[in-house]
Amino acid sequence: MIDHLSTYASDYLATRDFYRAVFAPLGVTEQIEMVAEWNAEFPTQRMCAFGPEGHFTFWVIETRSAATPRHIAFSAQNRAAVDAFHAAALAQGGQDNGQPGLRPHYHEHYYGAFAFDPDGNNVEAVCHQPE
């Protein structure tokens, strides 16, 4: 249903590097990085996109002002990838917002972990498979 989505970064480099680190355990890589020279209001605006090979699915876009925090959950193949996502988030300076573990109030196999990225967005990795 979703082709692509964006988050906004007041500290572009910190946010880009955060997502480089947390996406690695999920098998997602940076696909493109560019400067929005066409943007007359902000011609030095940086942006990059992550996704599977050849797909620009999740964009990080530099902003001059604070953005409204969001929540987004990324799919993980297994619980070990959820654990690695959370560890990478904390190692990259993210703040813990929920240790890896089962969340049976969602459903019996919901295994997730939560962290705040550099702009205060609540990011999650989740596995729905029993292990």
C-alpha atoms as a PDB file:
ATOM      1  CA  MET A   1       0.000   0.000   0.000  1.00  0.00           C
ATOM      2  CA  ILE A   2       2.792   2.489   0.820  1.00  0.00           C
ATOM      3  CA  ASP A   3       5.221   3.306  -1.992  1.00  0.00           C
ATOM      4  CA  HIS A   4       7.472   5.600   0.056  1.00  0.00           C
ATOM      5  CA  LEU A   5       7.475   7.902   3.068  1.00  0.00           C
ATOM      6  CA  SER A   6       9.683  10.568   4.584  1.00  0.00           C
ATOM      7  CA  THR A   7      10.956  11.722   7.924  1.00  0.00           C
ATOM      8  CA  TYR A   8      12.553  15.092   8.532  1.00  0.00           C
ATOM      9  CA  ALA A   9      15.894  15.726  10.185  1.00  0.00           C
ATOM     10  CA  SER A  10      17.087  18.873  11.924  1.00  0.00           C
ATOM     11  CA  ASP A  11      20.534  17.217  12.231  1.00  0.00           C
ATOM     12  CA  TYR A  12      20.758  15.535   8.848  1.00  0.00           C
ATOM     13  CA  LEU A  13      24.092  13.736   9.326  1.00  0.00           C
ATOM     14  CA  ALA A  14      23.186  12.306  12.738  1.00  0.00           C
ATOM     15  CA  THR A  15      19.800  11.137  11.468  1.00  0.00           C
ATOM     16  CA  ARG A  16      21.215   9.662   8.253  1.00  0.00           C
ATOM     17  CA  ASP A  17      23.891   7.788  10.203  1.00  0.00           C
ATOM     18  CA  PHE A  18      21.315   6.568  12.735  1.00  0.00           C
ATOM     19  CA  TYR A  19      19.217   5.000   9.969  1.00  0.00           C
ATOM     20  CA  ARG A  20      22.279   3.540   8.249  1.00  0.00           C
ATOM     21  CA  ALA A  21      23.040   1.727  11.516  1.00  0.00           C
ATOM     22  CA  VAL A  22      19.535   0.566  12.441  1.00  0.00           C
ATOM     23  CA  PHE A  23      18.618  -0.579   8.944  1.00  0.00           C
ATOM     24  CA  ALA A  24      21.701  -2.801   8.587  1.00  0.00           C
ATOM     25  CA  PRO A  25      20.258  -5.612  10.781  1.00  0.00           C
ATOM     26  CA  LEU A  26      17.035  -5.416   8.752  1.00  0.00           C
ATOM     27  CA  GLY A  27      18.852  -5.843   5.433  1.00  0.00           C
ATOM     28  CA  VAL A  28      17.936  -2.335   4.231  1.00  0.00           C
ATOM     29  CA  THR A  29      20.585  -0.099   2.660  1.00  0.00           C
ATOM     30  CA  GLU A  30      20.956   3.505   1.564  1.00  0.00           C
ATOM     31  CA  GLN A  31      20.000   3.712  -2.111  1.00  0.00           C
ATOM     32  CA  ILE A  32      20.574   7.373  -2.967  1.00  0.00           C
ATOM     33  CA  GLU A  33      21.758  10.647  -1.456  1.00  0.00           C
ATOM     34  CA  MET A  34      21.296  14.059  -3.067  1.00  0.00           C
ATOM     35  CA  VAL A  35      21.093  17.800  -2.567  1.00  0.00           C
ATOM     36  CA  ALA A  36      17.867  19.590  -3.547  1.00  0.00           C
ATOM     37  CA  GLU A  37      19.525  22.198  -5.764  1.00  0.00           C
ATOM     38  CA  TRP A  38      16.115  22.743  -7.431  1.00  0.00           C
ATOM     39  CA  ASN A  39      14.642  23.992  -4.136  1.00  0.00           C
ATOM     40  CA  ALA A  40      14.900  27.792  -4.383  1.00  0.00           C
ATOM     41  CA  GLU A  41      14.011  28.143  -0.678  1.00  0.00           C
ATOM     42  CA  PHE A  42      16.696  25.659   0.513  1.00  0.00           C
ATOM     43  CA  PRO A  43      19.119  24.782  -2.346  1.00  0.00           C
ATOM     44  CA  THR A  44      21.557  23.042   0.008  1.00  0.00           C
ATOM     45  CA  GLN A  45      18.901  20.743   1.494  1.00  0.00           C
ATOM     46  CA  ARG A  46      20.245  17.195   1.792  1.00  0.00           C
ATOM     47  CA  MET A  47      18.221  14.019   1.527  1.00  0.00           C
ATOM     48  CA  CYS A  48      18.746  10.296   1.180  1.00  0.00           C
ATOM     49  CA  ALA A  49      16.561   7.265   0.689  1.00  0.00           C
ATOM     50  CA  PHE A  50      16.774   3.740   2.064  1.00  0.00           C
ATOM     51  CA  GLY A  51      15.161   0.565   0.828  1.00  0.00           C
ATOM     52  CA  PRO A  52      15.770  -2.755  -0.845  1.00  0.00           C
ATOM     53  CA  GLU A  53      17.956  -2.626  -3.953  1.00  0.00           C
ATOM     54  CA  GLY A  54      16.577  -0.126  -6.458  1.00  0.00           C
ATOM     55  CA  HIS A  55      13.712   1.147  -4.262  1.00  0.00           C
ATOM     56  CA  PHE A  56      13.617   4.528  -2.536  1.00  0.00           C
ATOM     57  CA  THR A  57      11.196   3.604   0.238  1.00  0.00           C
ATOM     58  CA  PHE A  58      12.191   5.588   3.348  1.00  0.00           C
ATOM     59  CA  TRP A  59      13.490   9.139   2.873  1.00  0.00           C
ATOM     60  CA  VAL A  60      15.424  11.266   5.375  1.00  0.00           C
ATOM     61  CA  ILE A  61      15.055  14.938   4.432  1.00  0.00           C
ATOM     62  CA  GLU A  62      16.920  17.809   6.057  1.00  0.00           C
ATOM     63  CA  THR A  63      14.786  20.558   7.574  1.00  0.00           C
ATOM     64  CA  ARG A  64      15.659  23.911   9.072  1.00  0.00           C
ATOM     65  CA  SER A  65      13.139  23.591  11.887  1.00  0.00           C
ATOM     66  CA  ALA A  66      12.085  20.974  14.350  1.00  0.00           C
ATOM     67  CA  ALA A  67       9.722  18.395  12.927  1.00  0.00           C
ATOM     68  CA  THR A  68       6.673  16.888  14.573  1.00  0.00           C
ATOM     69  CA  PRO A  69       7.705  13.489  15.954  1.00  0.00           C
ATOM     70  CA  ARG A  70       6.316  10.404  14.253  1.00  0.00           C
ATOM     71  CA  HIS A  71       6.078   6.699  14.878  1.00  0.00           C
ATOM     72  CA  ILE A  72       7.061   4.139  12.295  1.00  0.00           C
ATOM     73  CA  ALA A  73       7.590   0.394  12.580  1.00  0.00           C
ATOM     74  CA  PHE A  74       9.961  -1.523  10.309  1.00  0.00           C
ATOM     75  CA  SER A  75       9.541  -5.222   9.556  1.00  0.00           C
ATOM     76  CA  ALA A  76      12.188  -7.604  10.840  1.00  0.00           C
ATOM     77  CA  GLN A  77      12.714 -11.139   9.536  1.00  0.00           C
ATOM     78  CA  ASN A  78      13.175 -12.566  13.023  1.00  0.00           C
ATOM     79  CA  ARG A  79      13.556 -11.663  16.682  1.00  0.00           C
ATOM     80  CA  ALA A  80      17.353 -11.565  16.437  1.00  0.00           C
ATOM     81  CA  ALA A  81      17.036  -8.771  13.862  1.00  0.00           C
ATOM     82  CA  VAL A  82      14.758  -6.848  16.265  1.00  0.00           C
ATOM     83  CA  ASP A  83      17.397  -7.226  18.988  1.00  0.00           C
ATOM     84  CA  ALA A  84      20.172  -6.079  16.615  1.00  0.00           C
ATOM     85  CA  PHE A  85      18.079  -3.096  15.447  1.00  0.00           C
ATOM     86  CA  HIS A  86      17.606  -1.951  19.044  1.00  0.00           C
ATOM     87  CA  ALA A  87      21.297  -2.421  19.909  1.00  0.00           C
ATOM     88  CA  ALA A  88      22.324  -0.462  16.802  1.00  0.00           C
ATOM     89  CA  ALA A  89      19.900   2.334  17.670  1.00  0.00           C
ATOM     90  CA  LEU A  90      21.359   2.735  21.157  1.00  0.00           C
ATOM     91  CA  ALA A  91      24.957   2.449  19.905  1.00  0.00           C
ATOM     92  CA  GLN A  92      24.213   5.216  17.385  1.00  0.00           C
ATOM     93  CA  GLY A  93      22.958   7.562  20.117  1.00  0.00           C
ATOM     94  CA  GLY A  94      19.258   6.722  19.990  1.00  0.00           C
ATOM     95  CA  GLN A  95      17.301   6.725  23.231  1.00  0.00           C
ATOM     96  CA  ASP A  96      15.596   3.565  24.447  1.00  0.00           C
ATOM     97  CA  ASN A  97      11.811   3.635  24.238  1.00  0.00           C
ATOM     98  CA  GLY A  98      11.137  -0.061  24.835  1.00  0.00           C
ATOM     99  CA  GLN A  99      13.513  -2.991  25.157  1.00  0.00           C
ATOM    100  CA  PRO A 100      13.113  -5.922  22.753  1.00  0.00           C
ATOM    101  CA  GLY A 101      10.408  -8.266  23.869  1.00  0.00           C
ATOM    102  CA  LEU A 102       6.962  -9.702  23.380  1.00  0.00           C
ATOM    103  CA  ARG A 103       4.015  -7.307  23.349  1.00  0.00           C
ATOM    104  CA  PRO A 104       1.103  -9.763  23.832  1.00  0.00           C
ATOM    105  CA  HIS A 105      -1.383  -6.896  24.158  1.00  0.00           C
ATOM    106  CA  TYR A 106      -1.021  -6.532  20.353  1.00  0.00           C
ATOM    107  CA  HIS A 107      -0.993 -10.282  19.653  1.00  0.00           C
ATOM    108  CA  GLU A 108       0.747 -13.338  21.079  1.00  0.00           C
ATOM    109  CA  HIS A 109       3.749 -13.308  18.696  1.00  0.00           C
ATOM    110  CA  TYR A 110       4.308  -9.528  18.469  1.00  0.00           C
ATOM    111  CA  TYR A 111       8.013  -9.042  19.241  1.00  0.00           C
ATOM    112  CA  GLY A 112       9.197  -5.460  19.031  1.00  0.00           C
ATOM    113  CA  ALA A 113      11.741  -2.911  20.195  1.00  0.00           C
ATOM    114  CA  PHE A 114      11.492   0.882  20.245  1.00  0.00           C
ATOM    115  CA  ALA A 115      13.963   3.774  20.183  1.00  0.00           C
ATOM    116  CA  PHE A 116      13.882   7.512  19.595  1.00  0.00           C
ATOM    117  CA  ASP A 117      15.955   8.711  16.633  1.00  0.00           C
ATOM    118  CA  PRO A 118      17.956  11.995  16.814  1.00  0.00           C
ATOM    119  CA  ASP A 119      14.812  14.034  16.064  1.00  0.00           C
ATOM    120  CA  GLY A 120      12.623  12.292  18.644  1.00  0.00           C
ATOM    121  CA  ASN A 121      10.791  10.010  16.220  1.00  0.00           C
ATOM    122  CA  ASN A 122       9.685   6.749  17.803  1.00  0.00           C
ATOM    123  CA  VAL A 123      11.098   4.015  15.554  1.00  0.00           C
ATOM    124  CA  GLU A 124      10.372   0.347  16.010  1.00  0.00           C
ATOM    125  CA  ALA A 125      11.438  -2.977  14.583  1.00  0.00           C
ATOM    126  CA  VAL A 126       8.824  -5.719  14.803  1.00  0.00           C
ATOM    127  CA  CYS A 127       8.641  -9.428  14.050  1.00  0.00           C
ATOM    128  CA  HIS A 128       5.251 -11.145  13.954  1.00  0.00           C
ATOM    129  CA  GLN A 129       6.622 -14.694  13.688  1.00  0.00           C
ATOM    130  CA  PRO A 130       6.766 -17.164  16.583  1.00  0.00           C
ATOM    131  CA  GLU A 131      10.259 -18.325  17.540  1.00  0.00           C
END
